[in-house]
C-alpha cells in the first residue's frame, strides 16, 4: 500500500486530537449536574459514531466482495471490523462510567446499552469466523455475516426513539447543547474519524504484508517439495 499519505494523516489526527482535548477539558464548560464526569460523553459519542462508520464500511465491503470476489474488499471489511470492535469496546467502557453518575448504577439493561452489547458480540463473532473458517469459505461467510450483522446498527441508533430511557444528546425531544459543548462534540467526532482512517490504512498495510508473507511461504514450500 502506498504510504505517502500516512504521515500527513497522522499529523492531522494528532492535531485534531489535541484540539479536541482542549475543547473538551478547557473550552467546554462543566455541566452543572454531573460536573466533570459529564466530559466523558464527548469520547463516548465520538467512539460510538465511528463504530457505526466502521461497521458501515464492513457492510459495503461485504456487499462488494460477494459481487466481485476481489480480495481487497475482503481485507477492507476485516480491517474495518477490527477497528469497529475496538471503538465499540470503548463505548461499552465509557457508557457505564457515565451511567454511574446519571443513574447511580454501572449497568442497566435499557435498550441502547443492550443493543450496543449485542452489536459488540456480533462483530466479535465476525472476527472469530475469519479466524476459524477455512480459506475458501472464510471470505464468503464473513461477508454474509457482515451484511446481516449491520442490521443491528440502525436498531442501536433508533432504540431511544423506539423504546426511550437513554439520554438524547441532540434532537427535539431532549437534545440541544450550548454552542461550546456542541463544538467540543463535533471536534471529538472529527478527531476519532481521523483516527479511524489512520488505523484503517495501517491495518490494511499490515494485512497486505501478511498476504505477501503467506504467498512467499507458499512459493518456498512448493519449491522445496
C-alpha atoms as a PDB file:
ATOM      1  CA  UNK A   1       0.000   0.000   0.000  1.00  0.00           C
ATOM      2  CA  UNK A   2       1.203   3.491  -0.862  1.00  0.00           C
ATOM      3  CA  UNK A   3       2.171   5.109   2.426  1.00  0.00           C
ATOM      4  CA  UNK A   4       2.714   8.676   1.198  1.00  0.00           C
ATOM      5  CA  UNK A   5      -0.485   9.763   2.960  1.00  0.00           C
ATOM      6  CA  UNK A   6       0.293   8.082   6.266  1.00  0.00           C
ATOM      7  CA  UNK A   7       2.425  10.867   7.722  1.00  0.00           C
ATOM      8  CA  UNK A   8       0.050  13.733   6.765  1.00  0.00           C
ATOM      9  CA  UNK A   9      -2.916  11.729   8.062  1.00  0.00           C
ATOM     10  CA  UNK A  10      -1.055  11.000  11.298  1.00  0.00           C
ATOM     11  CA  UNK A  11      -0.327  14.723  11.664  1.00  0.00           C
ATOM     12  CA  UNK A  12      -3.943  15.679  11.041  1.00  0.00           C
ATOM     13  CA  UNK A  13      -5.110  13.066  13.534  1.00  0.00           C
ATOM     14  CA  UNK A  14      -2.686  14.315  16.200  1.00  0.00           C
ATOM     15  CA  UNK A  15      -3.713  17.946  15.697  1.00  0.00           C
ATOM     16  CA  UNK A  16      -7.419  17.122  15.807  1.00  0.00           C
ATOM     17  CA  UNK A  17      -6.938  15.038  18.947  1.00  0.00           C
ATOM     18  CA  UNK A  18      -5.079  17.860  20.701  1.00  0.00           C
ATOM     19  CA  UNK A  19      -7.693  20.419  19.651  1.00  0.00           C
ATOM     20  CA  UNK A  20     -10.500  18.099  20.774  1.00  0.00           C
ATOM     21  CA  UNK A  21      -8.828  17.562  24.165  1.00  0.00           C
ATOM     22  CA  UNK A  22      -8.535  21.322  24.605  1.00  0.00           C
ATOM     23  CA  UNK A  23     -12.162  21.836  23.616  1.00  0.00           C
ATOM     24  CA  UNK A  24     -13.393  19.084  25.944  1.00  0.00           C
ATOM     25  CA  UNK A  25     -11.438  19.931  29.068  1.00  0.00           C
ATOM     26  CA  UNK A  26     -10.915  23.693  28.778  1.00  0.00           C
ATOM     27  CA  UNK A  27     -13.246  25.303  26.241  1.00  0.00           C
ATOM     28  CA  UNK A  28     -16.468  23.422  27.035  1.00  0.00           C
ATOM     29  CA  UNK A  29     -17.980  24.368  30.415  1.00  0.00           C
ATOM     30  CA  UNK A  30     -18.516  21.941  33.263  1.00  0.00           C
ATOM     31  CA  UNK A  31     -22.054  20.553  33.270  1.00  0.00           C
ATOM     32  CA  UNK A  32     -23.995  21.701  36.351  1.00  0.00           C
ATOM     33  CA  UNK A  33     -25.423  18.333  37.402  1.00  0.00           C
ATOM     34  CA  UNK A  34     -22.813  15.713  36.515  1.00  0.00           C
ATOM     35  CA  UNK A  35     -19.841  18.075  36.788  1.00  0.00           C
ATOM     36  CA  UNK A  36     -16.516  16.817  35.344  1.00  0.00           C
ATOM     37  CA  UNK A  37     -17.777  13.264  34.771  1.00  0.00           C
ATOM     38  CA  UNK A  38     -20.031  14.555  32.007  1.00  0.00           C
ATOM     39  CA  UNK A  39     -16.991  15.254  29.833  1.00  0.00           C
ATOM     40  CA  UNK A  40     -16.606  11.542  29.162  1.00  0.00           C
ATOM     41  CA  UNK A  41     -19.653  11.773  26.918  1.00  0.00           C
ATOM     42  CA  UNK A  42     -17.570  13.532  24.225  1.00  0.00           C
ATOM     43  CA  UNK A  43     -15.392  10.417  23.971  1.00  0.00           C
ATOM     44  CA  UNK A  44     -18.430   8.158  24.323  1.00  0.00           C
ATOM     45  CA  UNK A  45     -20.285   9.768  21.423  1.00  0.00           C
ATOM     46  CA  UNK A  46     -17.162  10.146  19.261  1.00  0.00           C
ATOM     47  CA  UNK A  47     -16.295   6.462  19.531  1.00  0.00           C
ATOM     48  CA  UNK A  48     -19.917   5.394  19.070  1.00  0.00           C
ATOM     49  CA  UNK A  49     -20.362   7.289  15.809  1.00  0.00           C
ATOM     50  CA  UNK A  50     -17.116   5.928  14.437  1.00  0.00           C
ATOM     51  CA  UNK A  51     -18.026   2.395  15.453  1.00  0.00           C
ATOM     52  CA  UNK A  52     -21.124   2.864  13.276  1.00  0.00           C
ATOM     53  CA  UNK A  53     -18.907   4.192  10.470  1.00  0.00           C
ATOM     54  CA  UNK A  54     -16.564   1.215  10.759  1.00  0.00           C
ATOM     55  CA  UNK A  55     -19.424  -1.287  10.589  1.00  0.00           C
ATOM     56  CA  UNK A  56     -20.967   0.564   7.639  1.00  0.00           C
ATOM     57  CA  UNK A  57     -17.653   0.132   5.817  1.00  0.00           C
ATOM     58  CA  UNK A  58     -17.785  -3.589   6.713  1.00  0.00           C
ATOM     59  CA  UNK A  59     -21.285  -3.736   5.210  1.00  0.00           C
ATOM     60  CA  UNK A  60     -20.236  -2.007   1.974  1.00  0.00           C
ATOM     61  CA  UNK A  61     -17.071  -4.091   1.678  1.00  0.00           C
ATOM     62  CA  UNK A  62     -19.034  -7.297   2.297  1.00  0.00           C
ATOM     63  CA  UNK A  63     -21.547  -6.486  -0.444  1.00  0.00           C
ATOM     64  CA  UNK A  64     -18.709  -5.603  -2.828  1.00  0.00           C
ATOM     65  CA  UNK A  65     -16.846  -8.834  -2.017  1.00  0.00           C
ATOM     66  CA  UNK A  66     -19.882 -11.026  -2.668  1.00  0.00           C
ATOM     67  CA  UNK A  67     -20.369  -9.306  -6.022  1.00  0.00           C
ATOM     68  CA  UNK A  68     -16.740  -9.285  -7.190  1.00  0.00           C
ATOM     69  CA  UNK A  69     -14.870 -11.875  -5.051  1.00  0.00           C
ATOM     70  CA  UNK A  70     -11.949  -9.426  -5.008  1.00  0.00           C
ATOM     71  CA  UNK A  71      -9.650  -9.930  -2.028  1.00  0.00           C
ATOM     72  CA  UNK A  72      -9.204  -6.182  -1.451  1.00  0.00           C
ATOM     73  CA  UNK A  73     -12.834  -5.884  -0.363  1.00  0.00           C
ATOM     74  CA  UNK A  74     -12.428  -8.820   1.993  1.00  0.00           C
ATOM     75  CA  UNK A  75      -9.357  -7.178   3.531  1.00  0.00           C
ATOM     76  CA  UNK A  76     -11.169  -3.853   3.871  1.00  0.00           C
ATOM     77  CA  UNK A  77     -14.077  -5.476   5.706  1.00  0.00           C
ATOM     78  CA  UNK A  78     -11.747  -7.311   8.057  1.00  0.00           C
ATOM     79  CA  UNK A  79      -9.635  -4.236   8.816  1.00  0.00           C
ATOM     80  CA  UNK A  80     -12.655  -2.049   9.477  1.00  0.00           C
ATOM     81  CA  UNK A  81     -14.349  -4.660  11.666  1.00  0.00           C
ATOM     82  CA  UNK A  82     -11.328  -4.859  13.975  1.00  0.00           C
ATOM     83  CA  UNK A  83     -11.366  -1.094  14.485  1.00  0.00           C
ATOM     84  CA  UNK A  84     -15.143  -1.090  14.926  1.00  0.00           C
ATOM     85  CA  UNK A  85     -14.885  -3.687  17.688  1.00  0.00           C
ATOM     86  CA  UNK A  86     -12.212  -1.575  19.382  1.00  0.00           C
ATOM     87  CA  UNK A  87     -14.417   1.541  19.256  1.00  0.00           C
ATOM     88  CA  UNK A  88     -17.461  -0.389  20.482  1.00  0.00           C
ATOM     89  CA  UNK A  89     -15.393  -1.691  23.386  1.00  0.00           C
ATOM     90  CA  UNK A  90     -14.578   1.921  24.304  1.00  0.00           C
ATOM     91  CA  UNK A  91     -18.290   2.749  24.075  1.00  0.00           C
ATOM     92  CA  UNK A  92     -19.103  -0.079  26.478  1.00  0.00           C
ATOM     93  CA  UNK A  93     -16.381   1.123  28.867  1.00  0.00           C
ATOM     94  CA  UNK A  94     -17.262   4.835  28.840  1.00  0.00           C
ATOM     95  CA  UNK A  95     -21.013   4.206  28.891  1.00  0.00           C
ATOM     96  CA  UNK A  96     -21.128   2.608  32.364  1.00  0.00           C
ATOM     97  CA  UNK A  97     -18.892   5.365  33.760  1.00  0.00           C
ATOM     98  CA  UNK A  98     -21.399   7.928  32.520  1.00  0.00           C
ATOM     99  CA  UNK A  99     -24.307   5.760  33.697  1.00  0.00           C
ATOM    100  CA  UNK A 100     -22.870   5.546  37.216  1.00  0.00           C
ATOM    101  CA  UNK A 101     -23.196   9.318  37.562  1.00  0.00           C
ATOM    102  CA  UNK A 102     -26.509   9.626  35.712  1.00  0.00           C
ATOM    103  CA  UNK A 103     -28.411   6.593  37.053  1.00  0.00           C
ATOM    104  CA  UNK A 104     -26.340   5.662  40.128  1.00  0.00           C
ATOM    105  CA  UNK A 105     -25.556   2.241  38.638  1.00  0.00           C
ATOM    106  CA  UNK A 106     -22.835   0.894  36.372  1.00  0.00           C
ATOM    107  CA  UNK A 107     -25.116  -1.016  34.040  1.00  0.00           C
ATOM    108  CA  UNK A 108     -28.793  -1.221  33.270  1.00  0.00           C
ATOM    109  CA  UNK A 109     -30.398  -3.376  30.610  1.00  0.00           C
ATOM    110  CA  UNK A 110     -32.006  -0.444  28.873  1.00  0.00           C
ATOM    111  CA  UNK A 111     -32.471  -0.732  25.084  1.00  0.00           C
ATOM    112  CA  UNK A 112     -29.475   1.198  23.783  1.00  0.00           C
ATOM    113  CA  UNK A 113     -26.965  -0.397  26.127  1.00  0.00           C
ATOM    114  CA  UNK A 114     -28.360  -3.849  25.410  1.00  0.00           C
ATOM    115  CA  UNK A 115     -28.406  -3.444  21.626  1.00  0.00           C
ATOM    116  CA  UNK A 116     -24.883  -1.994  21.715  1.00  0.00           C
ATOM    117  CA  UNK A 117     -23.657  -5.035  23.653  1.00  0.00           C
ATOM    118  CA  UNK A 118     -25.351  -7.272  21.069  1.00  0.00           C
ATOM    119  CA  UNK A 119     -23.574  -5.285  18.327  1.00  0.00           C
ATOM    120  CA  UNK A 120     -20.228  -5.936  20.035  1.00  0.00           C
ATOM    121  CA  UNK A 121     -20.941  -9.682  20.203  1.00  0.00           C
ATOM    122  CA  UNK A 122     -21.984  -9.735  16.531  1.00  0.00           C
ATOM    123  CA  UNK A 123     -18.706  -8.307  15.274  1.00  0.00           C
ATOM    124  CA  UNK A 124     -16.582 -10.288  17.707  1.00  0.00           C
ATOM    125  CA  UNK A 125     -18.288 -13.324  16.141  1.00  0.00           C
ATOM    126  CA  UNK A 126     -17.460 -11.880  12.696  1.00  0.00           C
ATOM    127  CA  UNK A 127     -13.778 -11.787  13.660  1.00  0.00           C
ATOM    128  CA  UNK A 128     -13.964 -15.312  15.089  1.00  0.00           C
ATOM    129  CA  UNK A 129     -15.421 -16.548  11.800  1.00  0.00           C
ATOM    130  CA  UNK A 130     -12.497 -15.004   9.969  1.00  0.00           C
ATOM    131  CA  UNK A 131     -10.048 -16.618  12.382  1.00  0.00           C
ATOM    132  CA  UNK A 132     -11.503 -20.125  12.312  1.00  0.00           C
ATOM    133  CA  UNK A 133     -13.108 -20.710   8.897  1.00  0.00           C
ATOM    134  CA  UNK A 134     -11.124 -22.281   6.076  1.00  0.00           C
ATOM    135  CA  UNK A 135      -9.534 -20.035   3.443  1.00  0.00           C
ATOM    136  CA  UNK A 136     -12.047 -20.995   0.751  1.00  0.00           C
ATOM    137  CA  UNK A 137     -15.137 -20.219   2.850  1.00  0.00           C
ATOM    138  CA  UNK A 138     -13.833 -17.502   5.149  1.00  0.00           C
ATOM    139  CA  UNK A 139     -14.448 -14.514   2.892  1.00  0.00           C
ATOM    140  CA  UNK A 140     -17.961 -15.568   1.901  1.00  0.00           C
ATOM    141  CA  UNK A 141     -19.066 -16.485   5.427  1.00  0.00           C
ATOM    142  CA  UNK A 142     -17.617 -13.281   6.864  1.00  0.00           C
ATOM    143  CA  UNK A 143     -19.245 -11.165   4.151  1.00  0.00           C
ATOM    144  CA  UNK A 144     -22.681 -12.691   4.751  1.00  0.00           C
ATOM    145  CA  UNK A 145     -22.270 -12.214   8.495  1.00  0.00           C
ATOM    146  CA  UNK A 146     -21.059  -8.630   7.973  1.00  0.00           C
ATOM    147  CA  UNK A 147     -24.178  -7.788   5.974  1.00  0.00           C
ATOM    148  CA  UNK A 148     -26.627  -9.422   8.379  1.00  0.00           C
ATOM    149  CA  UNK A 149     -24.856  -8.016  11.444  1.00  0.00           C
ATOM    150  CA  UNK A 150     -25.197  -4.446  10.192  1.00  0.00           C
ATOM    151  CA  UNK A 151     -28.954  -4.694  10.776  1.00  0.00           C
ATOM    152  CA  UNK A 152     -28.258  -4.020  14.467  1.00  0.00           C
ATOM    153  CA  UNK A 153     -26.628  -0.637  13.768  1.00  0.00           C
ATOM    154  CA  UNK A 154     -29.866   1.222  12.909  1.00  0.00           C
ATOM    155  CA  UNK A 155     -31.557  -0.624  15.780  1.00  0.00           C
ATOM    156  CA  UNK A 156     -28.964   0.783  18.196  1.00  0.00           C
ATOM    157  CA  UNK A 157     -29.366   4.269  16.720  1.00  0.00           C
ATOM    158  CA  UNK A 158     -33.173   4.248  16.770  1.00  0.00           C
ATOM    159  CA  UNK A 159     -33.555   2.434  20.099  1.00  0.00           C
ATOM    160  CA  UNK A 160     -34.003   5.699  22.001  1.00  0.00           C
ATOM    161  CA  UNK A 161     -36.813   6.841  19.703  1.00  0.00           C
ATOM    162  CA  UNK A 162     -38.465   3.421  19.825  1.00  0.00           C
ATOM    163  CA  UNK A 163     -38.064   2.495  23.497  1.00  0.00           C
ATOM    164  CA  UNK A 164     -36.704   5.583  25.276  1.00  0.00           C
ATOM    165  CA  UNK A 165     -34.780   5.665  28.580  1.00  0.00           C
ATOM    166  CA  UNK A 166     -31.355   6.646  27.179  1.00  0.00           C
ATOM    167  CA  UNK A 167     -30.082  10.262  27.249  1.00  0.00           C
ATOM    168  CA  UNK A 168     -30.526  12.078  23.924  1.00  0.00           C
ATOM    169  CA  UNK A 169     -27.618  14.310  23.010  1.00  0.00           C
ATOM    170  CA  UNK A 170     -29.157  16.016  20.001  1.00  0.00           C
ATOM    171  CA  UNK A 171     -32.729  16.266  18.893  1.00  0.00           C
ATOM    172  CA  UNK A 172     -36.035  17.988  19.551  1.00  0.00           C
ATOM    173  CA  UNK A 173     -37.011  15.607  22.347  1.00  0.00           C
ATOM    174  CA  UNK A 174     -34.067  16.197  24.595  1.00  0.00           C
ATOM    175  CA  UNK A 175     -31.123  17.373  22.633  1.00  0.00           C
ATOM    176  CA  UNK A 176     -29.872  20.870  22.489  1.00  0.00           C
ATOM    177  CA  UNK A 177     -26.364  21.685  23.686  1.00  0.00           C
ATOM    178  CA  UNK A 178     -24.698  25.008  24.393  1.00  0.00           C
ATOM    179  CA  UNK A 179     -22.569  26.133  21.456  1.00  0.00           C
ATOM    180  CA  UNK A 180     -19.306  25.433  23.287  1.00  0.00           C
ATOM    181  CA  UNK A 181     -20.371  21.870  24.155  1.00  0.00           C
ATOM    182  CA  UNK A 182     -21.591  21.245  20.619  1.00  0.00           C
ATOM    183  CA  UNK A 183     -18.259  22.481  19.245  1.00  0.00           C
ATOM    184  CA  UNK A 184     -16.361  20.134  21.563  1.00  0.00           C
ATOM    185  CA  UNK A 185     -18.594  17.251  20.489  1.00  0.00           C
ATOM    186  CA  UNK A 186     -18.062  17.932  16.781  1.00  0.00           C
ATOM    187  CA  UNK A 187     -14.296  18.192  17.266  1.00  0.00           C
ATOM    188  CA  UNK A 188     -14.294  14.908  19.182  1.00  0.00           C
ATOM    189  CA  UNK A 189     -16.189  13.142  16.407  1.00  0.00           C
ATOM    190  CA  UNK A 190     -13.822  14.567  13.774  1.00  0.00           C
ATOM    191  CA  UNK A 191     -10.758  13.558  15.796  1.00  0.00           C
ATOM    192  CA  UNK A 192     -11.955   9.983  16.196  1.00  0.00           C
ATOM    193  CA  UNK A 193     -12.887   9.872  12.497  1.00  0.00           C
ATOM    194  CA  UNK A 194      -9.342  10.855  11.572  1.00  0.00           C
ATOM    195  CA  UNK A 195      -8.061   8.208  13.982  1.00  0.00           C
ATOM    196  CA  UNK A 196     -10.328   5.623  12.349  1.00  0.00           C
ATOM    197  CA  UNK A 197      -8.993   6.467   8.878  1.00  0.00           C
ATOM    198  CA  UNK A 198      -5.395   6.334  10.083  1.00  0.00           C
ATOM    199  CA  UNK A 199      -5.864   2.998  11.823  1.00  0.00           C
ATOM    200  CA  UNK A 200      -7.700   1.636   8.785  1.00  0.00           C
ATOM    201  CA  UNK A 201      -4.799   2.467   6.486  1.00  0.00           C
ATOM    202  CA  UNK A 202      -2.321   0.934   8.919  1.00  0.00           C
ATOM    203  CA  UNK A 203      -4.433  -2.182   9.322  1.00  0.00           C
ATOM    204  CA  UNK A 204      -4.732  -2.616   5.557  1.00  0.00           C
ATOM    205  CA  UNK A 205      -0.981  -2.209   5.255  1.00  0.00           C
ATOM    206  CA  UNK A 206      -0.394  -4.923   7.850  1.00  0.00           C
ATOM    207  CA  UNK A 207      -2.798  -7.239   6.050  1.00  0.00           C
ATOM    208  CA  UNK A 208      -1.007  -6.617   2.739  1.00  0.00           C
ATOM    209  CA  UNK A 209       2.339  -7.556   4.299  1.00  0.00           C
ATOM    210  CA  UNK A 210       0.813 -10.667   5.871  1.00  0.00           C
ATOM    211  CA  UNK A 211      -0.602 -11.682   2.482  1.00  0.00           C
ATOM    212  CA  UNK A 212       2.790 -11.231   0.819  1.00  0.00           C
ATOM    213  CA  UNK A 213       4.462 -13.339   3.514  1.00  0.00           C
ATOM    214  CA  UNK A 214       1.835 -16.026   3.088  1.00  0.00           C
ATOM    215  CA  UNK A 215       2.409 -16.135  -0.670  1.00  0.00           C
ATOM    216  CA  UNK A 216       6.171 -16.227  -0.172  1.00  0.00           C
ATOM    217  CA  UNK A 217       5.893 -19.160   2.244  1.00  0.00           C
ATOM    218  CA  UNK A 218       3.673 -20.975  -0.232  1.00  0.00           C
ATOM    219  CA  UNK A 219       6.165 -20.412  -3.055  1.00  0.00           C
ATOM    220  CA  UNK A 220       9.031 -21.638  -0.874  1.00  0.00           C
ATOM    221  CA  UNK A 221       7.057 -24.698   0.157  1.00  0.00           C
ATOM    222  CA  UNK A 222       6.291 -25.559  -3.457  1.00  0.00           C
ATOM    223  CA  UNK A 223       9.921 -25.008  -4.420  1.00  0.00           C
ATOM    224  CA  UNK A 224      11.268 -27.427  -1.810  1.00  0.00           C
ATOM    225  CA  UNK A 225       8.530 -30.068  -2.145  1.00  0.00           C
END
